[in-house]
Amino acid sequence: MRLSARNRLPGVVTSVVIDGLLAQVELKVGDNHVVALISSEACRELDLKEGDPATAVIKSTSVMLIRE
């Protein structure tokens, strides 16, 4: 697969919760985690389950940072 997005975070699925039309998928990426809300249809098509390798692809017009 070829993709133009450059922000790719490979990780491991730690949680999949399907609720109606949406699915919440959590990935462990190094010491961090990423939460993605995707359609339940896409989640089923990808057959995502805990322990699977997956990559978060981020394409955004805005990225916010915070420093405490």
PDB file of N, CA and C in Angstrom:
ATOM      1  N   MET A   1       0.847  -1.176   0.000  1.00  0.00           N
ATOM      2  CA  MET A   1       0.000   0.000   0.000  1.00  0.00           C
ATOM      3  C   MET A   1       0.890   1.236   0.000  1.00  0.00           C
ATOM      4  N   ARG A   2       0.568   2.193  -0.834  1.00  0.00           N
ATOM      5  CA  ARG A   2       1.289   3.469  -0.876  1.00  0.00           C
ATOM      6  C   ARG A   2       0.366   4.541  -0.319  1.00  0.00           C
ATOM      7  N   LEU A   3       0.926   5.411   0.513  1.00  0.00           N
ATOM      8  CA  LEU A   3       0.126   6.426   1.191  1.00  0.00           C
ATOM      9  C   LEU A   3       0.938   7.698   1.320  1.00  0.00           C
ATOM     10  N   SER A   4       0.320   8.845   1.094  1.00  0.00           N
ATOM     11  CA  SER A   4       1.049  10.107   1.140  1.00  0.00           C
ATOM     12  C   SER A   4       1.300  10.602   2.569  1.00  0.00           C
ATOM     13  N   ALA A   5       0.480  10.203   3.512  1.00  0.00           N
ATOM     14  CA  ALA A   5       0.640  10.672   4.892  1.00  0.00           C
ATOM     15  C   ALA A   5       1.976  10.201   5.450  1.00  0.00           C
ATOM     16  N   ARG A   6       2.699  11.086   6.108  1.00  0.00           N
ATOM     17  CA  ARG A   6       4.029  10.759   6.626  1.00  0.00           C
ATOM     18  C   ARG A   6       4.033  10.488   8.126  1.00  0.00           C
ATOM     19  N   ASN A   7       2.999  10.897   8.825  1.00  0.00           N
ATOM     20  CA  ASN A   7       2.944  10.709  10.276  1.00  0.00           C
ATOM     21  C   ASN A   7       2.340   9.342  10.588  1.00  0.00           C
ATOM     22  N   ARG A   8       3.213   8.368  10.740  1.00  0.00           N
ATOM     23  CA  ARG A   8       2.785   6.991  10.981  1.00  0.00           C
ATOM     24  C   ARG A   8       3.351   6.516  12.306  1.00  0.00           C
ATOM     25  N   LEU A   9       2.485   5.985  13.148  1.00  0.00           N
ATOM     26  CA  LEU A   9       2.891   5.519  14.467  1.00  0.00           C
ATOM     27  C   LEU A   9       2.559   4.036  14.602  1.00  0.00           C
ATOM     28  N   PRO A  10       3.532   3.165  14.379  1.00  0.00           N
ATOM     29  CA  PRO A  10       3.264   1.742  14.519  1.00  0.00           C
ATOM     30  C   PRO A  10       3.104   1.361  15.987  1.00  0.00           C
ATOM     31  N   GLY A  11       2.172   0.475  16.263  1.00  0.00           N
ATOM     32  CA  GLY A  11       1.929   0.063  17.641  1.00  0.00           C
ATOM     33  C   GLY A  11       1.186  -1.253  17.698  1.00  0.00           C
ATOM     34  N   VAL A  12       0.637  -1.526  18.875  1.00  0.00           N
ATOM     35  CA  VAL A  12      -0.106  -2.759  19.125  1.00  0.00           C
ATOM     36  C   VAL A  12      -1.470  -2.386  19.691  1.00  0.00           C
ATOM     37  N   VAL A  13      -2.529  -3.007  19.185  1.00  0.00           N
ATOM     38  CA  VAL A  13      -3.884  -2.752  19.669  1.00  0.00           C
ATOM     39  C   VAL A  13      -4.004  -3.254  21.108  1.00  0.00           C
ATOM     40  N   THR A  14      -4.458  -2.368  21.999  1.00  0.00           N
ATOM     41  CA  THR A  14      -4.642  -2.749  23.403  1.00  0.00           C
ATOM     42  C   THR A  14      -6.108  -2.853  23.782  1.00  0.00           C
ATOM     43  N   SER A  15      -6.996  -2.256  22.979  1.00  0.00           N
ATOM     44  CA  SER A  15      -8.416  -2.290  23.306  1.00  0.00           C
ATOM     45  C   SER A  15      -9.240  -1.972  22.070  1.00  0.00           C
ATOM     46  N   VAL A  16     -10.347  -2.690  21.916  1.00  0.00           N
ATOM     47  CA  VAL A  16     -11.315  -2.410  20.851  1.00  0.00           C
ATOM     48  C   VAL A  16     -12.699  -2.438  21.480  1.00  0.00           C
ATOM     49  N   VAL A  17     -13.420  -1.312  21.386  1.00  0.00           N
ATOM     50  CA  VAL A  17     -14.788  -1.239  21.899  1.00  0.00           C
ATOM     51  C   VAL A  17     -15.687  -0.774  20.765  1.00  0.00           C
ATOM     52  N   ILE A  18     -16.591  -1.650  20.343  1.00  0.00           N
ATOM     53  CA  ILE A  18     -17.543  -1.309  19.280  1.00  0.00           C
ATOM     54  C   ILE A  18     -18.870  -0.961  19.934  1.00  0.00           C
ATOM     55  N   ASP A  19     -19.383   0.232  19.591  1.00  0.00           N
ATOM     56  CA  ASP A  19     -20.642   0.705  20.157  1.00  0.00           C
ATOM     57  C   ASP A  19     -21.443   1.384  19.051  1.00  0.00           C
ATOM     58  N   GLY A  20     -22.390   0.669  18.506  1.00  0.00           N
ATOM     59  CA  GLY A  20     -23.212   1.236  17.440  1.00  0.00           C
ATOM     60  C   GLY A  20     -22.404   1.445  16.172  1.00  0.00           C
ATOM     61  N   LEU A  21     -22.433   2.677  15.658  1.00  0.00           N
ATOM     62  CA  LEU A  21     -21.755   2.979  14.402  1.00  0.00           C
ATOM     63  C   LEU A  21     -20.269   3.253  14.558  1.00  0.00           C
ATOM     64  N   LEU A  22     -19.792   3.443  15.804  1.00  0.00           N
ATOM     65  CA  LEU A  22     -18.390   3.786  16.030  1.00  0.00           C
ATOM     66  C   LEU A  22     -17.657   2.708  16.805  1.00  0.00           C
ATOM     67  N   ALA A  23     -16.346   2.677  16.602  1.00  0.00           N
ATOM     68  CA  ALA A  23     -15.467   1.806  17.381  1.00  0.00           C
ATOM     69  C   ALA A  23     -14.343   2.660  17.940  1.00  0.00           C
ATOM     70  N   GLN A  24     -13.985   2.408  19.187  1.00  0.00           N
ATOM     71  CA  GLN A  24     -12.845   3.078  19.811  1.00  0.00           C
ATOM     72  C   GLN A  24     -11.713   2.062  19.879  1.00  0.00           C
ATOM     73  N   VAL A  25     -10.612   2.394  19.222  1.00  0.00           N
ATOM     74  CA  VAL A  25      -9.465   1.493  19.163  1.00  0.00           C
ATOM     75  C   VAL A  25      -8.283   2.183  19.821  1.00  0.00           C
ATOM     76  N   GLU A  26      -7.671   1.500  20.786  1.00  0.00           N
ATOM     77  CA  GLU A  26      -6.501   2.045  21.468  1.00  0.00           C
ATOM     78  C   GLU A  26      -5.264   1.290  21.034  1.00  0.00           C
ATOM     79  N   LEU A  27      -4.198   2.055  20.762  1.00  0.00           N
ATOM     80  CA  LEU A  27      -2.912   1.487  20.368  1.00  0.00           C
ATOM     81  C   LEU A  27      -1.853   1.868  21.382  1.00  0.00           C
ATOM     82  N   LYS A  28      -0.994   0.935  21.722  1.00  0.00           N
ATOM     83  CA  LYS A  28       0.196   1.240  22.514  1.00  0.00           C
ATOM     84  C   LYS A  28       1.300   1.542  21.514  1.00  0.00           C
ATOM     85  N   VAL A  29       1.821   2.746  21.615  1.00  0.00           N
ATOM     86  CA  VAL A  29       2.877   3.209  20.714  1.00  0.00           C
ATOM     87  C   VAL A  29       4.063   3.588  21.592  1.00  0.00           C
ATOM     88  N   GLY A  30       5.020   2.701  21.715  1.00  0.00           N
ATOM     89  CA  GLY A  30       6.137   2.930  22.628  1.00  0.00           C
ATOM     90  C   GLY A  30       5.612   3.018  24.047  1.00  0.00           C
ATOM     91  N   ASP A  31       5.957   4.096  24.745  1.00  0.00           N
ATOM     92  CA  ASP A  31       5.477   4.325  26.109  1.00  0.00           C
ATOM     93  C   ASP A  31       4.160   5.093  26.134  1.00  0.00           C
ATOM     94  N   ASN A  32       3.610   5.382  24.969  1.00  0.00           N
ATOM     95  CA  ASN A  32       2.395   6.190  24.864  1.00  0.00           C
ATOM     96  C   ASN A  32       1.254   5.380  24.282  1.00  0.00           C
ATOM     97  N   HIS A  33       0.072   5.994  24.271  1.00  0.00           N
ATOM     98  CA  HIS A  33      -1.051   5.342  23.617  1.00  0.00           C
ATOM     99  C   HIS A  33      -1.796   6.349  22.754  1.00  0.00           C
ATOM    100  N   VAL A  34      -2.419   5.825  21.718  1.00  0.00           N
ATOM    101  CA  VAL A  34      -3.194   6.626  20.779  1.00  0.00           C
ATOM    102  C   VAL A  34      -4.595   6.032  20.736  1.00  0.00           C
ATOM    103  N   VAL A  35      -5.598   6.889  20.769  1.00  0.00           N
ATOM    104  CA  VAL A  35      -6.985   6.442  20.688  1.00  0.00           C
ATOM    105  C   VAL A  35      -7.566   6.924  19.366  1.00  0.00           C
ATOM    106  N   ALA A  36      -8.140   5.995  18.610  1.00  0.00           N
ATOM    107  CA  ALA A  36      -8.756   6.345  17.332  1.00  0.00           C
ATOM    108  C   ALA A  36     -10.234   5.981  17.370  1.00  0.00           C
ATOM    109  N   LEU A  37     -11.078   6.883  16.899  1.00  0.00           N
ATOM    110  CA  LEU A  37     -12.496   6.597  16.704  1.00  0.00           C
ATOM    111  C   LEU A  37     -12.703   6.365  15.218  1.00  0.00           C
ATOM    112  N   ILE A  38     -13.117   5.147  14.877  1.00  0.00           N
ATOM    113  CA  ILE A  38     -13.345   4.793  13.486  1.00  0.00           C
ATOM    114  C   ILE A  38     -14.732   4.172  13.377  1.00  0.00           C
ATOM    115  N   SER A  39     -15.200   3.986  12.166  1.00  0.00           N
ATOM    116  CA  SER A  39     -16.517   3.365  12.015  1.00  0.00           C
ATOM    117  C   SER A  39     -16.437   1.902  12.443  1.00  0.00           C
ATOM    118  N   SER A  40     -17.534   1.405  12.985  1.00  0.00           N
ATOM    119  CA  SER A  40     -17.557  -0.010  13.386  1.00  0.00           C
ATOM    120  C   SER A  40     -17.385  -0.905  12.161  1.00  0.00           C
ATOM    121  N   GLU A  41     -17.882  -0.470  11.012  1.00  0.00           N
ATOM    122  CA  GLU A  41     -17.724  -1.227   9.773  1.00  0.00           C
ATOM    123  C   GLU A  41     -16.241  -1.371   9.416  1.00  0.00           C
ATOM    124  N   ALA A  42     -15.493  -0.268   9.497  1.00  0.00           N
ATOM    125  CA  ALA A  42     -14.061  -0.313   9.197  1.00  0.00           C
ATOM    126  C   ALA A  42     -13.330  -1.212  10.186  1.00  0.00           C
ATOM    127  N   CYS A  43     -13.710  -1.138  11.447  1.00  0.00           N
ATOM    128  CA  CYS A  43     -13.089  -1.958  12.478  1.00  0.00           C
ATOM    129  C   CYS A  43     -13.295  -3.439  12.179  1.00  0.00           C
ATOM    130  N   ARG A  44     -14.499  -3.792  11.790  1.00  0.00           N
ATOM    131  CA  ARG A  44     -14.792  -5.195  11.453  1.00  0.00           C
ATOM    132  C   ARG A  44     -14.052  -5.631  10.186  1.00  0.00           C
ATOM    133  N   GLU A  45     -14.000  -4.750   9.181  1.00  0.00           N
ATOM    134  CA  GLU A  45     -13.290  -5.078   7.941  1.00  0.00           C
ATOM    135  C   GLU A  45     -11.800  -5.305   8.204  1.00  0.00           C
ATOM    136  N   LEU A  46     -11.222  -4.503   9.107  1.00  0.00           N
ATOM    137  CA  LEU A  46      -9.805  -4.656   9.452  1.00  0.00           C
ATOM    138  C   LEU A  46      -9.577  -5.812  10.421  1.00  0.00           C
ATOM    139  N   ASP A  47     -10.671  -6.345  10.977  1.00  0.00           N
ATOM    140  CA  ASP A  47     -10.613  -7.454  11.930  1.00  0.00           C
ATOM    141  C   ASP A  47      -9.661  -7.134  13.084  1.00  0.00           C
ATOM    142  N   LEU A  48      -9.798  -5.907  13.622  1.00  0.00           N
ATOM    143  CA  LEU A  48      -8.920  -5.459  14.705  1.00  0.00           C
ATOM    144  C   LEU A  48      -9.285  -6.131  16.019  1.00  0.00           C
ATOM    145  N   LYS A  49      -8.254  -6.615  16.708  1.00  0.00           N
ATOM    146  CA  LYS A  49      -8.466  -7.191  18.029  1.00  0.00           C
ATOM    147  C   LYS A  49      -7.221  -6.968  18.876  1.00  0.00           C
ATOM    148  N   GLU A  50      -7.389  -7.083  20.175  1.00  0.00           N
ATOM    149  CA  GLU A  50      -6.297  -6.857  21.118  1.00  0.00           C
ATOM    150  C   GLU A  50      -5.095  -7.732  20.759  1.00  0.00           C
ATOM    151  N   GLY A  51      -3.929  -7.100  20.763  1.00  0.00           N
ATOM    152  CA  GLY A  51      -2.688  -7.800  20.458  1.00  0.00           C
ATOM    153  C   GLY A  51      -2.242  -7.693  19.012  1.00  0.00           C
ATOM    154  N   ASP A  52      -3.131  -7.223  18.130  1.00  0.00           N
ATOM    155  CA  ASP A  52      -2.777  -7.081  16.718  1.00  0.00           C
ATOM    156  C   ASP A  52      -1.830  -5.902  16.506  1.00  0.00           C
ATOM    157  N   PRO A  53      -0.858  -6.043  15.601  1.00  0.00           N
ATOM    158  CA  PRO A  53      -0.077  -4.875  15.206  1.00  0.00           C
ATOM    159  C   PRO A  53      -0.937  -3.982  14.315  1.00  0.00           C
ATOM    160  N   ALA A  54      -0.801  -2.685  14.469  1.00  0.00           N
ATOM    161  CA  ALA A  54      -1.526  -1.728  13.633  1.00  0.00           C
ATOM    162  C   ALA A  54      -0.731  -0.426  13.621  1.00  0.00           C
ATOM    163  N   THR A  55      -0.990   0.398  12.643  1.00  0.00           N
ATOM    164  CA  THR A  55      -0.303   1.681  12.525  1.00  0.00           C
ATOM    165  C   THR A  55      -1.326   2.804  12.490  1.00  0.00           C
ATOM    166  N   ALA A  56      -1.143   3.786  13.363  1.00  0.00           N
ATOM    167  CA  ALA A  56      -1.973   4.990  13.342  1.00  0.00           C
ATOM    168  C   ALA A  56      -1.377   5.925  12.290  1.00  0.00           C
ATOM    169  N   VAL A  57      -2.192   6.325  11.328  1.00  0.00           N
ATOM    170  CA  VAL A  57      -1.764   7.268  10.303  1.00  0.00           C
ATOM    171  C   VAL A  57      -2.464   8.577  10.598  1.00  0.00           C
ATOM    172  N   ILE A  58      -1.681   9.628  10.806  1.00  0.00           N
ATOM    173  CA  ILE A  58      -2.241  10.909  11.224  1.00  0.00           C
ATOM    174  C   ILE A  58      -2.081  11.923  10.096  1.00  0.00           C
ATOM    175  N   LYS A  59      -3.202  12.432   9.645  1.00  0.00           N
ATOM    176  CA  LYS A  59      -3.225  13.470   8.615  1.00  0.00           C
ATOM    177  C   LYS A  59      -4.092  14.589   9.173  1.00  0.00           C
ATOM    178  N   SER A  60      -3.465  15.673   9.559  1.00  0.00           N
ATOM    179  CA  SER A  60      -4.197  16.721  10.246  1.00  0.00           C
ATOM    180  C   SER A  60      -3.755  18.097   9.777  1.00  0.00           C
ATOM    181  N   THR A  61      -4.667  19.038   9.839  1.00  0.00           N
ATOM    182  CA  THR A  61      -4.318  20.418   9.516  1.00  0.00           C
ATOM    183  C   THR A  61      -3.897  21.170  10.765  1.00  0.00           C
ATOM    184  N   SER A  62      -4.084  20.554  11.926  1.00  0.00           N
ATOM    185  CA  SER A  62      -3.752  21.208  13.181  1.00  0.00           C
ATOM    186  C   SER A  62      -3.238  20.197  14.197  1.00  0.00           C
ATOM    187  N   VAL A  63      -2.105  20.516  14.819  1.00  0.00           N
ATOM    188  CA  VAL A  63      -1.569  19.698  15.892  1.00  0.00           C
ATOM    189  C   VAL A  63      -1.323  20.620  17.068  1.00  0.00           C
ATOM    190  N   MET A  64      -1.847  20.274  18.224  1.00  0.00           N
ATOM    191  CA  MET A  64      -1.691  21.097  19.420  1.00  0.00           C
ATOM    192  C   MET A  64      -0.687  20.444  20.357  1.00  0.00           C
ATOM    193  N   LEU A  65       0.122  21.256  21.007  1.00  0.00           N
ATOM    194  CA  LEU A  65       1.080  20.786  22.004  1.00  0.00           C
ATOM    195  C   LEU A  65       0.809  21.490  23.316  1.00  0.00           C
ATOM    196  N   ILE A  66       1.112  20.798  24.403  1.00  0.00           N
ATOM    197  CA  ILE A  66       0.978  21.414  25.727  1.00  0.00           C
ATOM    198  C   ILE A  66       2.237  21.112  26.506  1.00  0.00           C
ATOM    199  N   ARG A  67       2.644  22.055  27.303  1.00  0.00           N
ATOM    200  CA  ARG A  67       3.792  21.858  28.173  1.00  0.00           C
ATOM    201  C   ARG A  67       3.402  22.306  29.558  1.00  0.00           C
ATOM    202  N   GLU A  68       3.568  21.424  30.506  1.00  0.00           N
ATOM    203  CA  GLU A  68       3.157  21.759  31.867  1.00  0.00           C
ATOM    204  C   GLU A  68       4.339  22.178  32.709  1.00  0.00           C
TER     205      GLU A  68
END
